[in-house]
Amino acid sequence: MKATLTFNLPDEQEEFNTAVHASDALYVIGQIDERMRQIVKYEEHTDAVYDIVSKLRTELLELCHSNKINLH
């Protein structure tokens, strides 16, 4: 199966850039998720830090799921 995306440049330059750099954005989101996991699992912090990081990671993963973004 092949798919072709067509953009009318320069009018759709922003959409083109989004499509071309989507894998970069996915990589960054994955790195943020992994960093938050490491903080909670391996680092020593106050309970408040653990709670905040855990809540933010949960929100990030929920947003990814609801937008059909698969990090793993």
PDB file of N, CA and C in Angstrom:
ATOM      1  N   MET A   1       0.844  -1.173   0.000  1.00  0.00           N
ATOM      2  CA  MET A   1       0.000   0.000   0.000  1.00  0.00           C
ATOM      3  C   MET A   1       0.892   1.239   0.000  1.00  0.00           C
ATOM      4  N   LYS A   2       0.524   2.196  -0.795  1.00  0.00           N
ATOM      5  CA  LYS A   2       1.230   3.463  -0.845  1.00  0.00           C
ATOM      6  C   LYS A   2       0.244   4.591  -0.562  1.00  0.00           C
ATOM      7  N   ALA A   3       0.757   5.652   0.008  1.00  0.00           N
ATOM      8  CA  ALA A   3      -0.060   6.842   0.244  1.00  0.00           C
ATOM      9  C   ALA A   3       0.756   8.061  -0.175  1.00  0.00           C
ATOM     10  N   THR A   4       0.081   9.016  -0.738  1.00  0.00           N
ATOM     11  CA  THR A   4       0.735  10.238  -1.177  1.00  0.00           C
ATOM     12  C   THR A   4       0.023  11.429  -0.550  1.00  0.00           C
ATOM     13  N   LEU A   5       0.804  12.289   0.071  1.00  0.00           N
ATOM     14  CA  LEU A   5       0.264  13.531   0.613  1.00  0.00           C
ATOM     15  C   LEU A   5       0.639  14.649  -0.353  1.00  0.00           C
ATOM     16  N   THR A   6      -0.302  15.511  -0.641  1.00  0.00           N
ATOM     17  CA  THR A   6      -0.059  16.609  -1.562  1.00  0.00           C
ATOM     18  C   THR A   6      -0.324  17.929  -0.855  1.00  0.00           C
ATOM     19  N   PHE A   7       0.603  18.859  -1.006  1.00  0.00           N
ATOM     20  CA  PHE A   7       0.467  20.173  -0.391  1.00  0.00           C
ATOM     21  C   PHE A   7       0.639  21.240  -1.459  1.00  0.00           C
ATOM     22  N   ASN A   8      -0.118  22.291  -1.326  1.00  0.00           N
ATOM     23  CA  ASN A   8       0.027  23.447  -2.203  1.00  0.00           C
ATOM     24  C   ASN A   8       0.955  24.448  -1.518  1.00  0.00           C
ATOM     25  N   LEU A   9       2.217  24.386  -1.933  1.00  0.00           N
ATOM     26  CA  LEU A   9       3.215  25.268  -1.332  1.00  0.00           C
ATOM     27  C   LEU A   9       3.298  26.563  -2.124  1.00  0.00           C
ATOM     28  N   PRO A  10       3.504  27.674  -1.517  1.00  0.00           N
ATOM     29  CA  PRO A  10       3.834  27.884  -0.104  1.00  0.00           C
ATOM     30  C   PRO A  10       2.612  28.057   0.792  1.00  0.00           C
ATOM     31  N   ASP A  11       1.407  28.013   0.242  1.00  0.00           N
ATOM     32  CA  ASP A  11       0.199  28.256   1.042  1.00  0.00           C
ATOM     33  C   ASP A  11       0.036  27.264   2.189  1.00  0.00           C
ATOM     34  N   GLU A  12       0.433  26.036   1.983  1.00  0.00           N
ATOM     35  CA  GLU A  12       0.269  25.000   2.997  1.00  0.00           C
ATOM     36  C   GLU A  12       1.612  24.587   3.605  1.00  0.00           C
ATOM     37  N   GLN A  13       2.519  25.525   3.704  1.00  0.00           N
ATOM     38  CA  GLN A  13       3.863  25.237   4.237  1.00  0.00           C
ATOM     39  C   GLN A  13       3.798  24.715   5.666  1.00  0.00           C
ATOM     40  N   GLU A  14       2.954  25.304   6.497  1.00  0.00           N
ATOM     41  CA  GLU A  14       2.861  24.861   7.897  1.00  0.00           C
ATOM     42  C   GLU A  14       2.362  23.425   7.989  1.00  0.00           C
ATOM     43  N   GLU A  15       1.372  23.066   7.203  1.00  0.00           N
ATOM     44  CA  GLU A  15       0.855  21.699   7.183  1.00  0.00           C
ATOM     45  C   GLU A  15       1.923  20.728   6.678  1.00  0.00           C
ATOM     46  N   PHE A  16       2.664  21.151   5.652  1.00  0.00           N
ATOM     47  CA  PHE A  16       3.754  20.339   5.118  1.00  0.00           C
ATOM     48  C   PHE A  16       4.806  20.085   6.197  1.00  0.00           C
ATOM     49  N   ASN A  17       5.209  21.150   6.892  1.00  0.00           N
ATOM     50  CA  ASN A  17       6.209  21.007   7.954  1.00  0.00           C
ATOM     51  C   ASN A  17       5.727  20.077   9.050  1.00  0.00           C
ATOM     52  N   THR A  18       4.459  20.175   9.401  1.00  0.00           N
ATOM     53  CA  THR A  18       3.892  19.297  10.425  1.00  0.00           C
ATOM     54  C   THR A  18       3.985  17.839   9.991  1.00  0.00           C
ATOM     55  N   ALA A  19       3.630  17.562   8.758  1.00  0.00           N
ATOM     56  CA  ALA A  19       3.681  16.188   8.249  1.00  0.00           C
ATOM     57  C   ALA A  19       5.111  15.662   8.188  1.00  0.00           C
ATOM     58  N   VAL A  20       6.023  16.492   7.735  1.00  0.00           N
ATOM     59  CA  VAL A  20       7.414  16.075   7.573  1.00  0.00           C
ATOM     60  C   VAL A  20       8.092  15.838   8.925  1.00  0.00           C
ATOM     61  N   HIS A  21       7.738  16.630   9.926  1.00  0.00           N
ATOM     62  CA  HIS A  21       8.412  16.551  11.224  1.00  0.00           C
ATOM     63  C   HIS A  21       7.602  15.814  12.292  1.00  0.00           C
ATOM     64  N   ALA A  22       6.560  15.121  11.914  1.00  0.00           N
ATOM     65  CA  ALA A  22       5.735  14.398  12.889  1.00  0.00           C
ATOM     66  C   ALA A  22       6.542  13.350  13.646  1.00  0.00           C
ATOM     67  N   SER A  23       7.432  12.652  12.977  1.00  0.00           N
ATOM     68  CA  SER A  23       8.228  11.633  13.669  1.00  0.00           C
ATOM     69  C   SER A  23       9.173  12.276  14.683  1.00  0.00           C
ATOM     70  N   ASP A  24       9.654  13.482  14.393  1.00  0.00           N
ATOM     71  CA  ASP A  24      10.488  14.204  15.363  1.00  0.00           C
ATOM     72  C   ASP A  24       9.686  14.539  16.615  1.00  0.00           C
ATOM     73  N   ALA A  25       8.459  14.980  16.422  1.00  0.00           N
ATOM     74  CA  ALA A  25       7.594  15.319  17.562  1.00  0.00           C
ATOM     75  C   ALA A  25       7.285  14.065  18.381  1.00  0.00           C
ATOM     76  N   LEU A  26       7.035  12.957  17.707  1.00  0.00           N
ATOM     77  CA  LEU A  26       6.762  11.700  18.397  1.00  0.00           C
ATOM     78  C   LEU A  26       7.970  11.275  19.231  1.00  0.00           C
ATOM     79  N   TYR A  27       9.161  11.449  18.683  1.00  0.00           N
ATOM     80  CA  TYR A  27      10.383  11.128  19.417  1.00  0.00           C
ATOM     81  C   TYR A  27      10.496  11.987  20.683  1.00  0.00           C
ATOM     82  N   VAL A  28      10.250  13.283  20.567  1.00  0.00           N
ATOM     83  CA  VAL A  28      10.344  14.191  21.712  1.00  0.00           C
ATOM     84  C   VAL A  28       9.336  13.807  22.785  1.00  0.00           C
ATOM     85  N   ILE A  29       8.105  13.518  22.389  1.00  0.00           N
ATOM     86  CA  ILE A  29       7.078  13.111  23.357  1.00  0.00           C
ATOM     87  C   ILE A  29       7.511  11.830  24.062  1.00  0.00           C
ATOM     88  N   GLY A  30       8.048  10.893  23.319  1.00  0.00           N
ATOM     89  CA  GLY A  30       8.530   9.641  23.911  1.00  0.00           C
ATOM     90  C   GLY A  30       9.663   9.873  24.893  1.00  0.00           C
ATOM     91  N   GLN A  31      10.556  10.797  24.584  1.00  0.00           N
ATOM     92  CA  GLN A  31      11.662  11.117  25.483  1.00  0.00           C
ATOM     93  C   GLN A  31      11.159  11.769  26.769  1.00  0.00           C
ATOM     94  N   ILE A  32      10.172  12.628  26.658  1.00  0.00           N
ATOM     95  CA  ILE A  32       9.577  13.254  27.848  1.00  0.00           C
ATOM     96  C   ILE A  32       8.919  12.189  28.722  1.00  0.00           C
ATOM     97  N   ASP A  33       8.172  11.286  28.103  1.00  0.00           N
ATOM     98  CA  ASP A  33       7.536  10.196  28.844  1.00  0.00           C
ATOM     99  C   ASP A  33       8.583   9.361  29.567  1.00  0.00           C
ATOM    100  N   GLU A  34       9.639   9.000  28.875  1.00  0.00           N
ATOM    101  CA  GLU A  34      10.693   8.177  29.470  1.00  0.00           C
ATOM    102  C   GLU A  34      11.380   8.907  30.622  1.00  0.00           C
ATOM    103  N   ARG A  35      11.627  10.185  30.480  1.00  0.00           N
ATOM    104  CA  ARG A  35      12.260  10.963  31.548  1.00  0.00           C
ATOM    105  C   ARG A  35      11.377  11.003  32.793  1.00  0.00           C
ATOM    106  N   MET A  36      10.077  11.192  32.596  1.00  0.00           N
ATOM    107  CA  MET A  36       9.160  11.199  33.745  1.00  0.00           C
ATOM    108  C   MET A  36       9.119   9.828  34.411  1.00  0.00           C
ATOM    109  N   ARG A  37       9.161   8.761  33.625  1.00  0.00           N
ATOM    110  CA  ARG A  37       9.182   7.405  34.179  1.00  0.00           C
ATOM    111  C   ARG A  37      10.434   7.195  35.025  1.00  0.00           C
ATOM    112  N   GLN A  38      11.575   7.652  34.530  1.00  0.00           N
ATOM    113  CA  GLN A  38      12.828   7.511  35.274  1.00  0.00           C
ATOM    114  C   GLN A  38      12.794   8.286  36.587  1.00  0.00           C
ATOM    115  N   ILE A  39      12.227   9.479  36.573  1.00  0.00           N
ATOM    116  CA  ILE A  39      12.136  10.280  37.798  1.00  0.00           C
ATOM    117  C   ILE A  39      11.353   9.532  38.861  1.00  0.00           C
ATOM    118  N   VAL A  40      10.207   8.980  38.472  1.00  0.00           N
ATOM    119  CA  VAL A  40       9.350   8.290  39.435  1.00  0.00           C
ATOM    120  C   VAL A  40       9.962   6.965  39.885  1.00  0.00           C
ATOM    121  N   LYS A  41      10.574   6.248  38.963  1.00  0.00           N
ATOM    122  CA  LYS A  41      11.043   4.904  39.274  1.00  0.00           C
ATOM    123  C   LYS A  41      12.411   4.856  39.947  1.00  0.00           C
ATOM    124  N   TYR A  42      13.320   5.737  39.543  1.00  0.00           N
ATOM    125  CA  TYR A  42      14.704   5.580  39.971  1.00  0.00           C
ATOM    126  C   TYR A  42      15.275   6.704  40.839  1.00  0.00           C
ATOM    127  N   GLU A  43      14.654   7.858  40.850  1.00  0.00           N
ATOM    128  CA  GLU A  43      15.238   8.998  41.554  1.00  0.00           C
ATOM    129  C   GLU A  43      14.570   9.235  42.901  1.00  0.00           C
ATOM    130  N   GLU A  44      15.316   9.853  43.798  1.00  0.00           N
ATOM    131  CA  GLU A  44      14.788  10.181  45.123  1.00  0.00           C
ATOM    132  C   GLU A  44      14.305  11.627  45.129  1.00  0.00           C
ATOM    133  N   HIS A  45      13.024  11.797  45.419  1.00  0.00           N
ATOM    134  CA  HIS A  45      12.401  13.114  45.485  1.00  0.00           C
ATOM    135  C   HIS A  45      11.360  13.108  46.587  1.00  0.00           C
ATOM    136  N   THR A  46      10.791  14.265  46.838  1.00  0.00           N
ATOM    137  CA  THR A  46       9.701  14.344  47.812  1.00  0.00           C
ATOM    138  C   THR A  46       8.450  13.695  47.219  1.00  0.00           C
ATOM    139  N   ASP A  47       7.523  13.365  48.090  1.00  0.00           N
ATOM    140  CA  ASP A  47       6.259  12.789  47.632  1.00  0.00           C
ATOM    141  C   ASP A  47       5.535  13.751  46.694  1.00  0.00           C
ATOM    142  N   ALA A  48       5.643  15.047  46.954  1.00  0.00           N
ATOM    143  CA  ALA A  48       4.979  16.037  46.103  1.00  0.00           C
ATOM    144  C   ALA A  48       5.526  15.977  44.671  1.00  0.00           C
ATOM    145  N   VAL A  49       6.834  15.825  44.542  1.00  0.00           N
ATOM    146  CA  VAL A  49       7.437  15.728  43.199  1.00  0.00           C
ATOM    147  C   VAL A  49       6.933  14.472  42.509  1.00  0.00           C
ATOM    148  N   TYR A  50       6.931  13.340  43.214  1.00  0.00           N
ATOM    149  CA  TYR A  50       6.429  12.096  42.625  1.00  0.00           C
ATOM    150  C   TYR A  50       4.981  12.255  42.160  1.00  0.00           C
ATOM    151  N   ASP A  51       4.167  12.868  43.004  1.00  0.00           N
ATOM    152  CA  ASP A  51       2.755  13.058  42.654  1.00  0.00           C
ATOM    153  C   ASP A  51       2.592  13.920  41.411  1.00  0.00           C
ATOM    154  N   ILE A  52       3.316  15.014  41.344  1.00  0.00           N
ATOM    155  CA  ILE A  52       3.196  15.917  40.196  1.00  0.00           C
ATOM    156  C   ILE A  52       3.667  15.234  38.919  1.00  0.00           C
ATOM    157  N   VAL A  53       4.838  14.599  38.984  1.00  0.00           N
ATOM    158  CA  VAL A  53       5.376  13.948  37.791  1.00  0.00           C
ATOM    159  C   VAL A  53       4.461  12.807  37.347  1.00  0.00           C
ATOM    160  N   SER A  54       3.952  12.043  38.300  1.00  0.00           N
ATOM    161  CA  SER A  54       3.045  10.937  37.963  1.00  0.00           C
ATOM    162  C   SER A  54       1.762  11.445  37.309  1.00  0.00           C
ATOM    163  N   LYS A  55       1.205  12.514  37.863  1.00  0.00           N
ATOM    164  CA  LYS A  55      -0.019  13.091  37.285  1.00  0.00           C
ATOM    165  C   LYS A  55       0.239  13.634  35.885  1.00  0.00           C
ATOM    166  N   LEU A  56       1.356  14.324  35.704  1.00  0.00           N
ATOM    167  CA  LEU A  56       1.683  14.857  34.378  1.00  0.00           C
ATOM    168  C   LEU A  56       1.909  13.729  33.369  1.00  0.00           C
ATOM    169  N   ARG A  57       2.564  12.667  33.804  1.00  0.00           N
ATOM    170  CA  ARG A  57       2.790  11.536  32.892  1.00  0.00           C
ATOM    171  C   ARG A  57       1.476  10.877  32.520  1.00  0.00           C
ATOM    172  N   THR A  58       0.595  10.721  33.489  1.00  0.00           N
ATOM    173  CA  THR A  58      -0.723  10.152  33.206  1.00  0.00           C
ATOM    174  C   THR A  58      -1.477  11.016  32.210  1.00  0.00           C
ATOM    175  N   GLU A  59      -1.455  12.327  32.403  1.00  0.00           N
ATOM    176  CA  GLU A  59      -2.126  13.241  31.471  1.00  0.00           C
ATOM    177  C   GLU A  59      -1.512  13.157  30.074  1.00  0.00           C
ATOM    178  N   LEU A  60      -0.185  13.098  30.012  1.00  0.00           N
ATOM    179  CA  LEU A  60       0.490  12.983  28.725  1.00  0.00           C
ATOM    180  C   LEU A  60       0.056  11.715  28.002  1.00  0.00           C
ATOM    181  N   LEU A  61       0.056  10.591  28.709  1.00  0.00           N
ATOM    182  CA  LEU A  61      -0.317   9.324  28.084  1.00  0.00           C
ATOM    183  C   LEU A  61      -1.789   9.304  27.688  1.00  0.00           C
ATOM    184  N   GLU A  62      -2.651   9.921  28.488  1.00  0.00           N
ATOM    185  CA  GLU A  62      -4.070  10.013  28.123  1.00  0.00           C
ATOM    186  C   GLU A  62      -4.264  10.862  26.868  1.00  0.00           C
ATOM    187  N   LEU A  63      -3.552  11.982  26.790  1.00  0.00           N
ATOM    188  CA  LEU A  63      -3.621  12.830  25.595  1.00  0.00           C
ATOM    189  C   LEU A  63      -3.124  12.078  24.367  1.00  0.00           C
ATOM    190  N   CYS A  64      -2.038  11.350  24.534  1.00  0.00           N
ATOM    191  CA  CYS A  64      -1.520  10.566  23.417  1.00  0.00           C
ATOM    192  C   CYS A  64      -2.547   9.530  22.978  1.00  0.00           C
ATOM    193  N   HIS A  65      -3.113   8.814  23.932  1.00  0.00           N
ATOM    194  CA  HIS A  65      -4.101   7.790  23.603  1.00  0.00           C
ATOM    195  C   HIS A  65      -5.318   8.384  22.900  1.00  0.00           C
ATOM    196  N   SER A  66      -5.834   9.486  23.419  1.00  0.00           N
ATOM    197  CA  SER A  66      -7.041  10.087  22.832  1.00  0.00           C
ATOM    198  C   SER A  66      -6.781  10.674  21.448  1.00  0.00           C
ATOM    199  N   ASN A  67      -5.510  10.924  21.131  1.00  0.00           N
ATOM    200  CA  ASN A  67      -5.155  11.452  19.814  1.00  0.00           C
ATOM    201  C   ASN A  67      -4.495  10.401  18.927  1.00  0.00           C
ATOM    202  N   LYS A  68      -4.633   9.130  19.339  1.00  0.00           N
ATOM    203  CA  LYS A  68      -4.128   7.999  18.568  1.00  0.00           C
ATOM    204  C   LYS A  68      -2.610   8.061  18.344  1.00  0.00           C
ATOM    205  N   ILE A  69      -1.887   8.500  19.375  1.00  0.00           N
ATOM    206  CA  ILE A  69      -0.427   8.551  19.326  1.00  0.00           C
ATOM    207  C   ILE A  69       0.091   7.373  20.164  1.00  0.00           C
ATOM    208  N   ASN A  70       0.802   6.471  19.508  1.00  0.00           N
ATOM    209  CA  ASN A  70       1.321   5.286  20.174  1.00  0.00           C
ATOM    210  C   ASN A  70       2.804   5.487  20.457  1.00  0.00           C
ATOM    211  N   LEU A  71       3.168   5.567  21.734  1.00  0.00           N
ATOM    212  CA  LEU A  71       4.558   5.788  22.107  1.00  0.00           C
ATOM    213  C   LEU A  71       5.348   4.482  22.224  1.00  0.00           C
ATOM    214  N   HIS A  72       4.670   3.364  22.351  1.00  0.00           N
ATOM    215  CA  HIS A  72       5.395   2.114  22.620  1.00  0.00           C
ATOM    216  C   HIS A  72       5.138   1.087  21.557  1.00  0.00           C
TER     217      HIS A  72
END
